[in-house]
C-alpha atoms as a PDB file:
ATOM      1  CA  UNK A   1      -0.051   0.353   0.093  1.00  0.00           C
ATOM      2  CA  UNK A   2       1.013   3.357  -0.397  1.00  0.00           C
ATOM      3  CA  UNK A   3       2.238   5.787   1.770  1.00  0.00           C
ATOM      4  CA  UNK A   4       0.174   9.121   2.137  1.00  0.00           C
ATOM      5  CA  UNK A   5       0.920  12.605   2.899  1.00  0.00           C
ATOM      6  CA  UNK A   6      -1.305  15.056   4.162  1.00  0.00           C
ATOM      7  CA  UNK A   7       0.558  18.378   2.546  1.00  0.00           C
ATOM      8  CA  UNK A   8      -0.558  21.094   5.047  1.00  0.00           C
ATOM      9  CA  UNK A   9       0.019  24.638   3.488  1.00  0.00           C
ATOM     10  CA  UNK A  10      -0.384  28.510   3.121  1.00  0.00           C
ATOM     11  CA  UNK A  11      -1.674  29.311  -0.666  1.00  0.00           C
ATOM     12  CA  UNK A  12       1.195  31.774  -0.889  1.00  0.00           C
ATOM     13  CA  UNK A  13       3.792  28.816  -0.371  1.00  0.00           C
ATOM     14  CA  UNK A  14       1.871  26.733  -3.213  1.00  0.00           C
ATOM     15  CA  UNK A  15       4.805  26.913  -5.991  1.00  0.00           C
ATOM     16  CA  UNK A  16       7.574  25.120  -3.591  1.00  0.00           C
ATOM     17  CA  UNK A  17       4.613  22.718  -2.539  1.00  0.00           C
ATOM     18  CA  UNK A  18       3.464  21.697  -5.859  1.00  0.00           C
ATOM     19  CA  UNK A  19       7.236  20.474  -6.281  1.00  0.00           C
ATOM     20  CA  UNK A  20       7.269  18.783  -3.393  1.00  0.00           C
ATOM     21  CA  UNK A  21       4.265  17.485  -4.277  1.00  0.00           C
ATOM     22  CA  UNK A  22       5.025  16.339  -7.697  1.00  0.00           C
ATOM     23  CA  UNK A  23       8.441  14.336  -6.538  1.00  0.00           C
ATOM     24  CA  UNK A  24       6.461  12.794  -4.043  1.00  0.00           C
ATOM     25  CA  UNK A  25       4.215  11.642  -6.319  1.00  0.00           C
ATOM     26  CA  UNK A  26       6.898  10.164  -8.571  1.00  0.00           C
ATOM     27  CA  UNK A  27       8.980   8.355  -5.762  1.00  0.00           C
ATOM     28  CA  UNK A  28       4.889   6.519  -5.131  1.00  0.00           C
ATOM     29  CA  UNK A  29       3.951   8.783  -2.300  1.00  0.00           C
ATOM     30  CA  UNK A  30       0.397   9.454  -2.020  1.00  0.00           C
ATOM     31  CA  UNK A  31      -0.249  13.217  -1.468  1.00  0.00           C
ATOM     32  CA  UNK A  32      -3.326  14.829  -0.131  1.00  0.00           C
ATOM     33  CA  UNK A  33      -3.200  18.476  -1.521  1.00  0.00           C
ATOM     34  CA  UNK A  34      -6.338  20.935  -1.119  1.00  0.00           C
ATOM     35  CA  UNK A  35      -6.627  21.915  -4.514  1.00  0.00           C
ATOM     36  CA  UNK A  36      -6.199  18.198  -5.725  1.00  0.00           C
ATOM     37  CA  UNK A  37      -8.864  16.954  -2.968  1.00  0.00           C
ATOM     38  CA  UNK A  38     -11.742  19.284  -2.068  1.00  0.00           C
ATOM     39  CA  UNK A  39     -14.543  20.319  -4.957  1.00  0.00           C
ATOM     40  CA  UNK A  40     -16.589  23.506  -5.387  1.00  0.00           C
ATOM     41  CA  UNK A  41     -19.742  22.660  -2.760  1.00  0.00           C
ATOM     42  CA  UNK A  42     -17.826  20.340  -0.355  1.00  0.00           C
ATOM     43  CA  UNK A  43     -17.532  21.424   3.162  1.00  0.00           C
ATOM     44  CA  UNK A  44     -13.398  21.944   3.691  1.00  0.00           C
ATOM     45  CA  UNK A  45     -13.633  21.823   7.163  1.00  0.00           C
ATOM     46  CA  UNK A  46     -15.074  18.335   7.149  1.00  0.00           C
ATOM     47  CA  UNK A  47     -13.190  17.661   4.173  1.00  0.00           C
ATOM     48  CA  UNK A  48     -10.020  18.355   5.828  1.00  0.00           C
ATOM     49  CA  UNK A  49     -10.674  16.847   8.585  1.00  0.00           C
ATOM     50  CA  UNK A  50     -11.348  13.226   6.038  1.00  0.00           C
ATOM     51  CA  UNK A  51      -8.384  13.994   4.522  1.00  0.00           C
ATOM     52  CA  UNK A  52      -6.378  13.768   7.794  1.00  0.00           C
ATOM     53  CA  UNK A  53      -8.253  11.026   9.053  1.00  0.00           C
ATOM     54  CA  UNK A  54      -6.760   9.000   5.708  1.00  0.00           C
ATOM     55  CA  UNK A  55      -3.519   9.820   5.805  1.00  0.00           C
ATOM     56  CA  UNK A  56      -0.200   8.216   7.426  1.00  0.00           C
ATOM     57  CA  UNK A  57       1.849  11.615   7.795  1.00  0.00           C
ATOM     58  CA  UNK A  58       1.056  14.923   7.966  1.00  0.00           C
ATOM     59  CA  UNK A  59       4.251  17.216   6.441  1.00  0.00           C
ATOM     60  CA  UNK A  60       4.080  20.893   8.007  1.00  0.00           C
ATOM     61  CA  UNK A  61       5.018  23.309   5.381  1.00  0.00           C
ATOM     62  CA  UNK A  62       6.866  25.951   7.650  1.00  0.00           C
ATOM     63  CA  UNK A  63       7.228  29.300   7.183  1.00  0.00           C
ATOM     64  CA  UNK A  64       6.413  33.000   7.987  1.00  0.00           C
ATOM     65  CA  UNK A  65       2.944  32.914   6.200  1.00  0.00           C
ATOM     66  CA  UNK A  66       1.718  29.278   7.734  1.00  0.00           C
ATOM     67  CA  UNK A  67       2.577  29.916  10.919  1.00  0.00           C
ATOM     68  CA  UNK A  68       0.201  32.973  10.605  1.00  0.00           C
ATOM     69  CA  UNK A  69      -2.259  30.992   9.180  1.00  0.00           C
ATOM     70  CA  UNK A  70      -5.554  29.878  11.283  1.00  0.00           C
ATOM     71  CA  UNK A  71      -6.227  27.162   8.775  1.00  0.00           C
ATOM     72  CA  UNK A  72      -2.759  25.511   9.213  1.00  0.00           C
ATOM     73  CA  UNK A  73      -3.205  25.800  12.735  1.00  0.00           C
ATOM     74  CA  UNK A  74      -6.308  23.759  13.037  1.00  0.00           C
ATOM     75  CA  UNK A  75      -5.101  20.995  10.598  1.00  0.00           C
ATOM     76  CA  UNK A  76      -1.918  20.450  12.824  1.00  0.00           C
ATOM     77  CA  UNK A  77      -3.781  21.114  16.136  1.00  0.00           C
ATOM     78  CA  UNK A  78      -6.005  17.783  14.581  1.00  0.00           C
ATOM     79  CA  UNK A  79      -2.667  15.572  13.358  1.00  0.00           C
ATOM     80  CA  UNK A  80      -1.038  16.225  16.692  1.00  0.00           C
ATOM     81  CA  UNK A  81      -4.112  15.223  18.302  1.00  0.00           C
ATOM     82  CA  UNK A  82      -4.144  12.048  16.506  1.00  0.00           C
ATOM     83  CA  UNK A  83      -0.658  11.017  17.672  1.00  0.00           C
ATOM     84  CA  UNK A  84      -0.511  12.106  20.761  1.00  0.00           C
ATOM     85  CA  UNK A  85      -3.493   9.120  20.850  1.00  0.00           C
ATOM     86  CA  UNK A  86      -1.325   6.725  19.399  1.00  0.00           C
ATOM     87  CA  UNK A  87      -3.083   6.949  15.938  1.00  0.00           C
ATOM     88  CA  UNK A  88      -0.441   5.975  13.516  1.00  0.00           C
ATOM     89  CA  UNK A  89      -0.565   9.188  11.364  1.00  0.00           C
ATOM     90  CA  UNK A  90       2.907  11.315  12.335  1.00  0.00           C
ATOM     91  CA  UNK A  91       3.654  15.227  12.193  1.00  0.00           C
ATOM     92  CA  UNK A  92       6.439  15.653   9.719  1.00  0.00           C
ATOM     93  CA  UNK A  93       7.984  19.304  10.410  1.00  0.00           C
ATOM     94  CA  UNK A  94       9.457  21.095   6.633  1.00  0.00           C
ATOM     95  CA  UNK A  95      10.973  24.225   7.275  1.00  0.00           C
ATOM     96  CA  UNK A  96      10.608  26.198   3.918  1.00  0.00           C
ATOM     97  CA  UNK A  97      11.531  29.591   4.617  1.00  0.00           C
ATOM     98  CA  UNK A  98      12.948  30.524   7.952  1.00  0.00           C
ATOM     99  CA  UNK A  99      10.284  31.399  11.103  1.00  0.00           C
ATOM    100  CA  UNK A 100      10.600  30.554  14.744  1.00  0.00           C
ATOM    101  CA  UNK A 101       9.293  26.833  15.557  1.00  0.00           C
ATOM    102  CA  UNK A 102       5.262  27.094  16.644  1.00  0.00           C
ATOM    103  CA  UNK A 103       5.835  25.747  20.691  1.00  0.00           C
ATOM    104  CA  UNK A 104       3.619  22.620  20.103  1.00  0.00           C
ATOM    105  CA  UNK A 105       6.436  21.657  17.814  1.00  0.00           C
ATOM    106  CA  UNK A 106       9.755  22.547  19.760  1.00  0.00           C
ATOM    107  CA  UNK A 107      11.552  19.646  20.572  1.00  0.00           C
ATOM    108  CA  UNK A 108      10.608  17.866  16.428  1.00  0.00           C
ATOM    109  CA  UNK A 109      13.454  17.520  13.952  1.00  0.00           C
ATOM    110  CA  UNK A 110      12.188  19.273  11.042  1.00  0.00           C
ATOM    111  CA  UNK A 111      13.547  18.446   7.137  1.00  0.00           C
ATOM    112  CA  UNK A 112      15.262  21.801   6.243  1.00  0.00           C
ATOM    113  CA  UNK A 113      14.019  23.075   2.802  1.00  0.00           C
ATOM    114  CA  UNK A 114      15.594  26.692   3.644  1.00  0.00           C
ATOM    115  CA  UNK A 115      18.816  26.353   0.874  1.00  0.00           C
ATOM    116  CA  UNK A 116      17.583  25.735  -2.756  1.00  0.00           C
ATOM    117  CA  UNK A 117      20.306  24.323  -3.748  1.00  0.00           C
ATOM    118  CA  UNK A 118      20.305  21.106  -1.037  1.00  0.00           C
ATOM    119  CA  UNK A 119      16.716  20.627  -1.865  1.00  0.00           C
ATOM    120  CA  UNK A 120      18.103  17.318  -3.256  1.00  0.00           C
ATOM    121  CA  UNK A 121      19.545  16.727  -0.081  1.00  0.00           C
ATOM    122  CA  UNK A 122      16.845  17.208   2.485  1.00  0.00           C
ATOM    123  CA  UNK A 123      14.103  15.922  -0.422  1.00  0.00           C
ATOM    124  CA  UNK A 124      16.625  12.454   0.531  1.00  0.00           C
ATOM    125  CA  UNK A 125      15.613  12.458   4.467  1.00  0.00           C
ATOM    126  CA  UNK A 126      12.356  13.435   3.846  1.00  0.00           C
ATOM    127  CA  UNK A 127      11.287  10.254   2.271  1.00  0.00           C
ATOM    128  CA  UNK A 128      13.452   8.324   3.662  1.00  0.00           C
ATOM    129  CA  UNK A 129      11.968   9.487   7.466  1.00  0.00           C
ATOM    130  CA  UNK A 130       8.256   7.916   5.933  1.00  0.00           C
ATOM    131  CA  UNK A 131      10.451   4.733   4.807  1.00  0.00           C
ATOM    132  CA  UNK A 132      10.102   5.593   1.056  1.00  0.00           C
ATOM    133  CA  UNK A 133      13.341   4.489  -0.623  1.00  0.00           C
ATOM    134  CA  UNK A 134      15.180   7.560  -2.251  1.00  0.00           C
ATOM    135  CA  UNK A 135      15.448   7.111  -6.474  1.00  0.00           C
ATOM    136  CA  UNK A 136      17.687   9.878  -7.591  1.00  0.00           C
ATOM    137  CA  UNK A 137      16.086   8.931 -11.273  1.00  0.00           C
ATOM    138  CA  UNK A 138      12.604  10.540 -10.533  1.00  0.00           C
ATOM    139  CA  UNK A 139      14.059  13.113  -8.972  1.00  0.00           C
ATOM    140  CA  UNK A 140      13.845  15.407 -11.516  1.00  0.00           C
ATOM    141  CA  UNK A 141      16.851  18.119 -12.475  1.00  0.00           C
ATOM    142  CA  UNK A 142      16.144  21.778 -11.658  1.00  0.00           C
ATOM    143  CA  UNK A 143      15.686  22.672 -15.231  1.00  0.00           C
ATOM    144  CA  UNK A 144      12.476  20.013 -15.600  1.00  0.00           C
ATOM    145  CA  UNK A 145      11.690  21.377 -12.079  1.00  0.00           C
ATOM    146  CA  UNK A 146      11.069  24.794 -13.701  1.00  0.00           C
ATOM    147  CA  UNK A 147       9.947  24.121 -16.570  1.00  0.00           C
ATOM    148  CA  UNK A 148       6.953  21.768 -14.393  1.00  0.00           C
ATOM    149  CA  UNK A 149       6.612  25.446 -12.555  1.00  0.00           C
ATOM    150  CA  UNK A 150       6.270  27.413 -15.756  1.00  0.00           C
ATOM    151  CA  UNK A 151       3.114  25.210 -16.932  1.00  0.00           C
ATOM    152  CA  UNK A 152       1.706  24.999 -13.214  1.00  0.00           C
ATOM    153  CA  UNK A 153       2.065  28.947 -12.751  1.00  0.00           C
ATOM    154  CA  UNK A 154       0.093  29.085 -16.724  1.00  0.00           C
ATOM    155  CA  UNK A 155      -2.436  27.094 -15.504  1.00  0.00           C
ATOM    156  CA  UNK A 156      -3.486  28.619 -12.489  1.00  0.00           C
ATOM    157  CA  UNK A 157      -3.562  32.029 -14.699  1.00  0.00           C
ATOM    158  CA  UNK A 158      -5.873  30.420 -16.260  1.00  0.00           C
ATOM    159  CA  UNK A 159      -7.591  29.282 -12.781  1.00  0.00           C
ATOM    160  CA  UNK A 160      -6.975  25.703 -13.972  1.00  0.00           C
ATOM    161  CA  UNK A 161      -6.782  22.861 -11.108  1.00  0.00           C
ATOM    162  CA  UNK A 162      -4.770  20.736 -10.831  1.00  0.00           C
ATOM    163  CA  UNK A 163      -6.753  17.484 -11.102  1.00  0.00           C
ATOM    164  CA  UNK A 164      -6.785  14.790  -8.633  1.00  0.00           C
ATOM    165  CA  UNK A 165      -8.215  11.009  -9.333  1.00  0.00           C
ATOM    166  CA  UNK A 166      -9.591  10.045 -12.081  1.00  0.00           C
ATOM    167  CA  UNK A 167      -7.564  12.284 -13.968  1.00  0.00           C
ATOM    168  CA  UNK A 168      -4.311  12.159 -12.475  1.00  0.00           C
ATOM    169  CA  UNK A 169      -1.592  11.076 -14.804  1.00  0.00           C
ATOM    170  CA  UNK A 170      -4.658   9.734 -17.000  1.00  0.00           C
ATOM    171  CA  UNK A 171      -1.981   7.202 -19.094  1.00  0.00           C
ATOM    172  CA  UNK A 172      -2.112   5.628 -16.361  1.00  0.00           C
ATOM    173  CA  UNK A 173      -5.133   3.520 -17.434  1.00  0.00           C
ATOM    174  CA  UNK A 174      -3.496   2.305 -21.003  1.00  0.00           C
ATOM    175  CA  UNK A 175      -2.899  -1.243 -21.250  1.00  0.00           C
ATOM    176  CA  UNK A 176      -5.163  -2.494 -18.203  1.00  0.00           C
ATOM    177  CA  UNK A 177      -7.910  -4.300 -18.446  1.00  0.00           C
ATOM    178  CA  UNK A 178     -11.558  -3.090 -18.678  1.00  0.00           C
ATOM    179  CA  UNK A 179     -12.488  -4.344 -15.219  1.00  0.00           C
ATOM    180  CA  UNK A 180      -9.231  -2.913 -14.055  1.00  0.00           C
ATOM    181  CA  UNK A 181     -10.054   0.413 -15.045  1.00  0.00           C
ATOM    182  CA  UNK A 182     -13.374   0.069 -14.271  1.00  0.00           C
ATOM    183  CA  UNK A 183     -12.061  -0.602 -10.522  1.00  0.00           C
ATOM    184  CA  UNK A 184      -9.763   2.260 -10.686  1.00  0.00           C
ATOM    185  CA  UNK A 185     -12.177   5.322 -11.562  1.00  0.00           C
ATOM    186  CA  UNK A 186     -15.401   3.691 -10.159  1.00  0.00           C
ATOM    187  CA  UNK A 187     -17.490   3.456 -13.055  1.00  0.00           C
ATOM    188  CA  UNK A 188     -19.267   0.722 -15.098  1.00  0.00           C
ATOM    189  CA  UNK A 189     -18.531   0.145 -18.561  1.00  0.00           C
ATOM    190  CA  UNK A 190     -20.925   0.029 -21.723  1.00  0.00           C
ATOM    191  CA  UNK A 191     -21.337  -2.272 -23.803  1.00  0.00           C
ATOM    192  CA  UNK A 192     -18.645  -1.876 -25.928  1.00  0.00           C
ATOM    193  CA  UNK A 193     -16.312  -2.004 -22.982  1.00  0.00           C
ATOM    194  CA  UNK A 194     -15.683   1.846 -23.143  1.00  0.00           C
ATOM    195  CA  UNK A 195     -15.385   3.805 -19.646  1.00  0.00           C
ATOM    196  CA  UNK A 196     -17.113   7.317 -18.955  1.00  0.00           C
ATOM    197  CA  UNK A 197     -16.168   9.484 -16.265  1.00  0.00           C
ATOM    198  CA  UNK A 198     -18.019  13.266 -16.566  1.00  0.00           C
ATOM    199  CA  UNK A 199     -18.204  15.975 -13.950  1.00  0.00           C
ATOM    200  CA  UNK A 200     -18.039  19.171 -13.924  1.00  0.00           C
ATOM    201  CA  UNK A 201     -14.387  19.518 -15.010  1.00  0.00           C
ATOM    202  CA  UNK A 202     -13.477  16.785 -17.213  1.00  0.00           C
ATOM    203  CA  UNK A 203     -15.354  14.468 -19.553  1.00  0.00           C
ATOM    204  CA  UNK A 204     -12.677  11.430 -19.834  1.00  0.00           C
ATOM    205  CA  UNK A 205     -13.508   8.200 -21.793  1.00  0.00           C
ATOM    206  CA  UNK A 206     -11.512   5.083 -22.048  1.00  0.00           C
ATOM    207  CA  UNK A 207     -11.226   3.330 -24.472  1.00  0.00           C
ATOM    208  CA  UNK A 208     -11.014  -0.640 -25.479  1.00  0.00           C
ATOM    209  CA  UNK A 209     -10.014  -2.650 -28.045  1.00  0.00           C
ATOM    210  CA  UNK A 210     -10.719  -6.299 -27.075  1.00  0.00           C
ATOM    211  CA  UNK A 211     -10.266  -6.671 -23.312  1.00  0.00           C
ATOM    212  CA  UNK A 212      -7.804  -3.836 -23.018  1.00  0.00           C
ATOM    213  CA  UNK A 213      -7.903   0.003 -22.692  1.00  0.00           C
ATOM    214  CA  UNK A 214      -6.178   1.230 -25.694  1.00  0.00           C
ATOM    215  CA  UNK A 215      -6.756   5.003 -26.130  1.00  0.00           C
ATOM    216  CA  UNK A 216      -7.554   7.681 -22.908  1.00  0.00           C
ATOM    217  CA  UNK A 217      -9.367  11.096 -24.189  1.00  0.00           C
ATOM    218  CA  UNK A 218      -9.895  14.055 -22.438  1.00  0.00           C
ATOM    219  CA  UNK A 219     -12.045  17.099 -22.560  1.00  0.00           C
ATOM    220  CA  UNK A 220     -10.972  19.746 -19.855  1.00  0.00           C
ATOM    221  CA  UNK A 221     -14.409  21.222 -19.702  1.00  0.00           C
ATOM    222  CA  UNK A 222     -13.454  24.850 -18.702  1.00  0.00           C
ATOM    223  CA  UNK A 223     -11.171  26.391 -21.283  1.00  0.00           C
ATOM    224  CA  UNK A 224     -14.091  26.212 -23.542  1.00  0.00           C
ATOM    225  CA  UNK A 225     -15.174  27.860 -26.188  1.00  0.00           C
ATOM    226  CA  UNK A 226     -11.639  27.349 -28.552  1.00  0.00           C
ATOM    227  CA  UNK A 227     -11.524  28.095 -31.754  1.00  0.00           C
ATOM    228  CA  UNK A 228      -9.432  25.849 -34.542  1.00  0.00           C
ATOM    229  CA  UNK A 229      -8.186  29.294 -35.608  1.00  0.00           C
ATOM    230  CA  UNK A 230      -6.547  30.670 -32.574  1.00  0.00           C
ATOM    231  CA  UNK A 231      -3.204  29.437 -30.692  1.00  0.00           C
ATOM    232  CA  UNK A 232      -3.866  28.006 -28.039  1.00  0.00           C
ATOM    233  CA  UNK A 233      -0.882  26.954 -25.302  1.00  0.00           C
ATOM    234  CA  UNK A 234      -0.900  23.492 -24.489  1.00  0.00           C
ATOM    235  CA  UNK A 235       0.830  23.602 -21.307  1.00  0.00           C
ATOM    236  CA  UNK A 236      -1.593  24.481 -18.384  1.00  0.00           C
ATOM    237  CA  UNK A 237      -3.653  21.118 -19.635  1.00  0.00           C
ATOM    238  CA  UNK A 238      -0.386  19.382 -19.281  1.00  0.00           C
ATOM    239  CA  UNK A 239       0.543  20.619 -16.144  1.00  0.00           C
ATOM    240  CA  UNK A 240      -3.195  20.350 -14.338  1.00  0.00           C
ATOM    241  CA  UNK A 241      -3.508  16.037 -15.486  1.00  0.00           C
ATOM    242  CA  UNK A 242       0.079  16.727 -13.177  1.00  0.00           C
ATOM    243  CA  UNK A 243       1.882  16.004 -16.548  1.00  0.00           C
ATOM    244  CA  UNK A 244       5.710  17.456 -16.608  1.00  0.00           C
ATOM    245  CA  UNK A 245       5.707  19.187 -20.183  1.00  0.00           C
ATOM    246  CA  UNK A 246       9.684  18.558 -20.062  1.00  0.00           C
ATOM    247  CA  UNK A 247       8.783  14.453 -20.282  1.00  0.00           C
ATOM    248  CA  UNK A 248       8.307  14.737 -23.536  1.00  0.00           C
ATOM    249  CA  UNK A 249       9.087  16.087 -26.628  1.00  0.00           C
ATOM    250  CA  UNK A 250       6.681  18.296 -29.276  1.00  0.00           C
ATOM    251  CA  UNK A 251       6.734  16.732 -32.506  1.00  0.00           C
ATOM    252  CA  UNK A 252       4.181  18.401 -33.894  1.00  0.00           C
ATOM    253  CA  UNK A 253       2.334  21.866 -34.001  1.00  0.00           C
ATOM    254  CA  UNK A 254      -0.519  23.176 -35.602  1.00  0.00           C
ATOM    255  CA  UNK A 255      -2.680  26.261 -34.821  1.00  0.00           C
ATOM    256  CA  UNK A 256      -5.482  23.752 -33.339  1.00  0.00           C
ATOM    257  CA  UNK A 257      -3.091  20.631 -32.310  1.00  0.00           C
ATOM    258  CA  UNK A 258      -0.651  19.705 -30.386  1.00  0.00           C
ATOM    259  CA  UNK A 259       1.493  16.266 -30.718  1.00  0.00           C
ATOM    260  CA  UNK A 260       4.100  14.790 -28.162  1.00  0.00           C
ATOM    261  CA  UNK A 261       5.932  12.019 -27.491  1.00  0.00           C
ATOM    262  CA  UNK A 262       7.387  10.939 -24.354  1.00  0.00           C
ATOM    263  CA  UNK A 263      11.208  10.705 -24.591  1.00  0.00           C
ATOM    264  CA  UNK A 264      11.397   7.121 -24.895  1.00  0.00           C
ATOM    265  CA  UNK A 265       8.741   7.227 -28.202  1.00  0.00           C
ATOM    266  CA  UNK A 266       6.477   4.739 -26.595  1.00  0.00           C
ATOM    267  CA  UNK A 267       3.557   7.462 -25.594  1.00  0.00           C
ATOM    268  CA  UNK A 268       1.687   9.806 -27.546  1.00  0.00           C
ATOM    269  CA  UNK A 269       0.131  12.856 -25.973  1.00  0.00           C
ATOM    270  CA  UNK A 270      -2.056  15.248 -28.452  1.00  0.00           C
ATOM    271  CA  UNK A 271      -3.598  18.147 -27.112  1.00  0.00           C
ATOM    272  CA  UNK A 272      -5.880  19.826 -29.703  1.00  0.00           C
ATOM    273  CA  UNK A 273      -9.297  21.762 -30.040  1.00  0.00           C
ATOM    274  CA  UNK A 274     -11.454  19.152 -32.225  1.00  0.00           C
ATOM    275  CA  UNK A 275     -14.042  21.797 -33.234  1.00  0.00           C
ATOM    276  CA  UNK A 276     -15.053  25.809 -32.877  1.00  0.00           C
ATOM    277  CA  UNK A 277     -16.682  26.675 -29.434  1.00  0.00           C
ATOM    278  CA  UNK A 278     -14.787  23.123 -27.999  1.00  0.00           C
ATOM    279  CA  UNK A 279     -13.104  22.974 -24.754  1.00  0.00           C
ATOM    280  CA  UNK A 280      -9.358  21.779 -25.317  1.00  0.00           C
ATOM    281  CA  UNK A 281      -8.698  18.095 -25.335  1.00  0.00           C
ATOM    282  CA  UNK A 282      -5.988  15.322 -24.463  1.00  0.00           C
ATOM    283  CA  UNK A 283      -5.412  12.048 -26.158  1.00  0.00           C
ATOM    284  CA  UNK A 284      -3.252   9.432 -24.992  1.00  0.00           C
ATOM    285  CA  UNK A 285      -2.124   6.276 -26.639  1.00  0.00           C
ATOM    286  CA  UNK A 286       0.715   3.892 -26.400  1.00  0.00           C
ATOM    287  CA  UNK A 287       2.826   2.276 -29.103  1.00  0.00           C
ATOM    288  CA  UNK A 288       5.922   2.406 -30.410  1.00  0.00           C
ATOM    289  CA  UNK A 289       6.231   5.693 -32.259  1.00  0.00           C
ATOM    290  CA  UNK A 290       9.902   4.572 -34.297  1.00  0.00           C
ATOM    291  CA  UNK A 291      12.988   7.436 -33.895  1.00  0.00           C
END
């Protein structure tokens, strides 16, 4: 079972937290991030408490912003009570920017991320502390991280959220059996084996050939309307699906259609405007695409 971490933070520290979340995900750690887990209309307090109940660790991102935040204080209070009363959840202080430790965290060792140049060493200490083996290859370079930051910033500018399951890195469904994919997304396949997931944010179709998912198609509803004679930026769409553009090669770009391959040329991703007035659409297929 995956180790899970609740990232308690102030919204002003979001860029750092998103980088940390991405690197945890690349190490197989499930993270709980407010914008990915809380949907419009849900009770914020109840959802946060539920999130805290479901995770193994609470990582407290410490900065002058967070120690002044009432929300962060409440999250820590709940987590500390769980730790005190013997539940498995443990509090992990993470020093992002120099600040005074809150009284209830005094005496606890913290992981020091204040020096950006030492990010890798700090991250290694963090994952080792939760029983996860550090993988240098999974930790992307500073150039890659910067590229993801840029894409996430672009997504923020157009109010495009970081989507959670089942829209998180949707190429994961490629090659799954219909039964396994249906279980993963909690939907029943239709009479031809295709699986449809429709929410206020996205419309996703997992298309089957035989007994396996061979193609994934997602409409990002909030991006409508788009027009085929207008340029668009595909990077915010990729970022919202937790895909780093630096993991990909842009091999074809037209006004209404962008095509990417992963570096091994086994995954093809297209981002497109299919018709005037439509939202942007992301498609995923997995084959060998040659040199």
